[in-house]
C-alpha atoms as a PDB file:
ATOM      1  CA  PRO A   1     101.610 -33.078 -60.839  1.00  0.00           C
ATOM      2  CA  ILE A   2     105.364 -32.666 -61.461  1.00  0.00           C
ATOM      3  CA  PRO A   3     107.019 -36.031 -61.394  1.00  0.00           C
ATOM      4  CA  ASP A   4     109.544 -36.853 -58.444  1.00  0.00           C
ATOM      5  CA  ASP A   5     112.119 -36.976 -60.714  1.00  0.00           C
ATOM      6  CA  ARG A   6     111.985 -33.176 -61.652  1.00  0.00           C
ATOM      7  CA  ILE A   7     111.938 -32.228 -58.277  1.00  0.00           C
ATOM      8  CA  ASP A   8     115.356 -31.590 -57.063  1.00  0.00           C
ATOM      9  CA  VAL A   9     114.969 -32.272 -53.307  1.00  0.00           C
ATOM     10  CA  ILE A  10     113.536 -35.449 -54.088  1.00  0.00           C
ATOM     11  CA  ARG A  11     115.903 -36.513 -56.498  1.00  0.00           C
ATOM     12  CA  GLU A  12     118.933 -35.408 -55.067  1.00  0.00           C
ATOM     13  CA  VAL A  13     118.358 -35.623 -51.588  1.00  0.00           C
ATOM     14  CA  LEU A  14     115.189 -37.892 -50.060  1.00  0.00           C
ATOM     15  CA  LYS A  15     115.075 -40.693 -52.705  1.00  0.00           C
ATOM     16  CA  PRO A  16     118.869 -41.531 -52.278  1.00  0.00           C
ATOM     17  CA  ALA A  17     118.244 -41.669 -48.413  1.00  0.00           C
ATOM     18  CA  ASN A  18     115.114 -43.843 -48.808  1.00  0.00           C
ATOM     19  CA  ILE A  19     112.870 -41.160 -47.464  1.00  0.00           C
ATOM     20  CA  ASP A  20     109.458 -40.931 -49.011  1.00  0.00           C
ATOM     21  CA  PRO A  21     107.704 -38.467 -46.470  1.00  0.00           C
ATOM     22  CA  PRO A  22     103.709 -37.623 -46.806  1.00  0.00           C
ATOM     23  CA  ARG A  23     102.965 -34.821 -49.174  1.00  0.00           C
ATOM     24  CA  ARG A  24     100.535 -32.152 -49.190  1.00  0.00           C
ATOM     25  CA  LYS A  25      99.647 -30.256 -52.429  1.00  0.00           C
ATOM     26  CA  THR A  26      99.572 -26.212 -51.929  1.00  0.00           C
ATOM     27  CA  GLU A  27     100.377 -24.065 -54.641  1.00  0.00           C
ATOM     28  CA  LEU A  28     100.503 -20.623 -53.033  1.00  0.00           C
ATOM     29  CA  THR A  29     103.726 -19.707 -51.601  1.00  0.00           C
ATOM     30  CA  VAL A  30     101.699 -17.844 -48.568  1.00  0.00           C
ATOM     31  CA  ALA A  31      99.558 -21.262 -48.145  1.00  0.00           C
ATOM     32  CA  ILE A  32     102.609 -23.071 -47.777  1.00  0.00           C
ATOM     33  CA  LEU A  33     104.263 -20.961 -45.246  1.00  0.00           C
ATOM     34  CA  GLN A  34     101.393 -20.396 -43.287  1.00  0.00           C
ATOM     35  CA  LEU A  35     101.364 -24.272 -42.648  1.00  0.00           C
ATOM     36  CA  VAL A  36     105.102 -24.112 -41.886  1.00  0.00           C
ATOM     37  CA  ALA A  37     104.604 -21.204 -39.448  1.00  0.00           C
ATOM     38  CA  SER A  38     101.522 -23.240 -37.605  1.00  0.00           C
ATOM     39  CA  HIS A  39     103.743 -26.399 -37.221  1.00  0.00           C
ATOM     40  CA  ARG A  40     101.765 -28.461 -39.584  1.00  0.00           C
ATOM     41  CA  ALA A  41     104.272 -29.004 -42.437  1.00  0.00           C
ATOM     42  CA  ILE A  42     107.744 -28.421 -43.701  1.00  0.00           C
ATOM     43  CA  ALA A  43     108.976 -27.285 -47.009  1.00  0.00           C
ATOM     44  CA  ALA A  44     111.710 -27.031 -49.232  1.00  0.00           C
ATOM     45  CA  MET A  45     111.720 -23.727 -51.108  1.00  0.00           C
ATOM     46  CA  PRO A  46     114.061 -20.942 -52.875  1.00  0.00           C
ATOM     47  CA  GLY A  47     115.505 -18.633 -50.304  1.00  0.00           C
ATOM     48  CA  TRP A  48     114.453 -15.753 -52.385  1.00  0.00           C
ATOM     49  CA  ALA A  49     110.679 -16.617 -52.287  1.00  0.00           C
ATOM     50  CA  VAL A  50     110.695 -16.783 -48.607  1.00  0.00           C
ATOM     51  CA  GLN A  51     112.857 -14.218 -47.173  1.00  0.00           C
ATOM     52  CA  PRO A  52     109.961 -11.609 -46.635  1.00  0.00           C
ATOM     53  CA  PHE A  53     108.658 -14.204 -44.490  1.00  0.00           C
ATOM     54  CA  LEU A  54     112.115 -14.979 -42.804  1.00  0.00           C
ATOM     55  CA  ASP A  55     112.539 -11.316 -42.228  1.00  0.00           C
ATOM     56  CA  LYS A  56     109.471 -10.948 -40.089  1.00  0.00           C
ATOM     57  CA  GLY A  57     110.212 -14.217 -37.986  1.00  0.00           C
ATOM     58  CA  TYR A  58     107.185 -15.713 -39.209  1.00  0.00           C
ATOM     59  CA  VAL A  59     109.310 -19.123 -40.215  1.00  0.00           C
ATOM     60  CA  LYS A  60     112.934 -20.216 -39.817  1.00  0.00           C
ATOM     61  CA  SER A  61     115.277 -21.858 -42.817  1.00  0.00           C
ATOM     62  CA  ARG A  62     117.738 -24.349 -42.675  1.00  0.00           C
ATOM     63  CA  PRO A  63     119.936 -25.123 -45.582  1.00  0.00           C
ATOM     64  CA  ILE A  64     119.265 -28.842 -47.458  1.00  0.00           C
ATOM     65  CA  ARG A  65     122.939 -30.277 -47.358  1.00  0.00           C
ATOM     66  CA  LYS A  66     125.862 -28.702 -45.719  1.00  0.00           C
ATOM     67  CA  ASN A  67     126.038 -25.803 -48.463  1.00  0.00           C
ATOM     68  CA  GLY A  68     122.367 -25.585 -49.416  1.00  0.00           C
ATOM     69  CA  LEU A  69     120.701 -27.086 -52.826  1.00  0.00           C
ATOM     70  CA  PHE A  70     120.755 -24.948 -55.742  1.00  0.00           C
ATOM     71  CA  ALA A  71     119.008 -25.167 -59.183  1.00  0.00           C
ATOM     72  CA  ASN A  72     119.142 -23.316 -62.514  1.00  0.00           C
ATOM     73  CA  LEU A  73     115.906 -21.199 -63.477  1.00  0.00           C
ATOM     74  CA  HIS A  74     115.159 -20.615 -67.128  1.00  0.00           C
ATOM     75  CA  ALA A  75     113.013 -18.418 -68.995  1.00  0.00           C
ATOM     76  CA  ALA A  76     110.916 -20.027 -71.602  1.00  0.00           C
ATOM     77  CA  THR A  77     109.270 -18.303 -74.718  1.00  0.00           C
ATOM     78  CA  THR A  78     108.597 -19.370 -78.245  1.00  0.00           C
ATOM     79  CA  ASP A  79     111.217 -19.259 -81.196  1.00  0.00           C
ATOM     80  CA  ALA A  80     108.956 -16.535 -82.924  1.00  0.00           C
ATOM     81  CA  GLN A  81     109.214 -14.248 -79.480  1.00  0.00           C
ATOM     82  CA  ALA A  82     112.817 -15.110 -78.690  1.00  0.00           C
ATOM     83  CA  GLY A  83     114.392 -12.011 -80.540  1.00  0.00           C
ATOM     84  CA  SER A  84     111.477  -9.586 -80.235  1.00  0.00           C
ATOM     85  CA  ALA A  85     112.457  -6.229 -78.644  1.00  0.00           C
ATOM     86  CA  TYR A  86     110.046  -6.640 -75.649  1.00  0.00           C
ATOM     87  CA  MET A  87     111.158 -10.126 -74.762  1.00  0.00           C
ATOM     88  CA  VAL A  88     115.085  -8.951 -74.762  1.00  0.00           C
ATOM     89  CA  GLU A  89     114.093  -6.095 -72.953  1.00  0.00           C
ATOM     90  CA  PHE A  90     112.016  -8.344 -70.356  1.00  0.00           C
ATOM     91  CA  LEU A  91     114.657 -10.573 -69.942  1.00  0.00           C
ATOM     92  CA  ASP A  92     117.327  -8.109 -69.559  1.00  0.00           C
ATOM     93  CA  THR A  93     115.168  -6.217 -66.760  1.00  0.00           C
ATOM     94  CA  MET A  94     114.637  -9.580 -65.075  1.00  0.00           C
ATOM     95  CA  ARG A  95     118.317 -10.530 -64.767  1.00  0.00           C
ATOM     96  CA  ARG A  96     119.276  -6.861 -63.690  1.00  0.00           C
ATOM     97  CA  ILE A  97     116.408  -6.833 -60.745  1.00  0.00           C
ATOM     98  CA  SER A  98     116.640 -10.314 -59.997  1.00  0.00           C
ATOM     99  CA  PHE A  99     120.689 -10.200 -59.292  1.00  0.00           C
ATOM    100  CA  ALA A 100     120.495  -6.714 -57.414  1.00  0.00           C
ATOM    101  CA  SER A 101     117.308  -7.868 -55.212  1.00  0.00           C
ATOM    102  CA  LEU A 102     116.945 -11.308 -54.618  1.00  0.00           C
ATOM    103  CA  LYS A 103     119.547 -12.887 -52.032  1.00  0.00           C
ATOM    104  CA  GLY A 104     121.594 -16.021 -52.769  1.00  0.00           C
ATOM    105  CA  ILE A 105     121.162 -16.184 -56.406  1.00  0.00           C
ATOM    106  CA  GLU A 106     123.886 -16.407 -59.290  1.00  0.00           C
ATOM    107  CA  PRO A 107     124.380 -15.993 -62.715  1.00  0.00           C
ATOM    108  CA  VAL A 108     124.552 -19.382 -64.313  1.00  0.00           C
ATOM    109  CA  ASP A 109     127.759 -19.966 -66.340  1.00  0.00           C
ATOM    110  CA  ARG A 110     126.753 -20.591 -70.050  1.00  0.00           C
END
């Protein structure tokens, strides 16, 4: 399990408000959203991850906080692989496709 201090919605929203809701462990996005759609759970997930379910009307989304809750995502690799041609190409492809096709994501200023 991931420690609470590494989960943005707990660290930045729930804990400061002294809210400690009951939790359920479910790993698959589709399983989480089935629980939400059947009114058995709520979930905090990235908009890009739930967009297909929003488009079909299976679930509704609401921003956490006035302007939402955002986090930085990073690709991880080893030092040995970081400069390899396939890793450089993979990261370039991931950036291009992600920024072209996922709603609500922005590049991180370096």
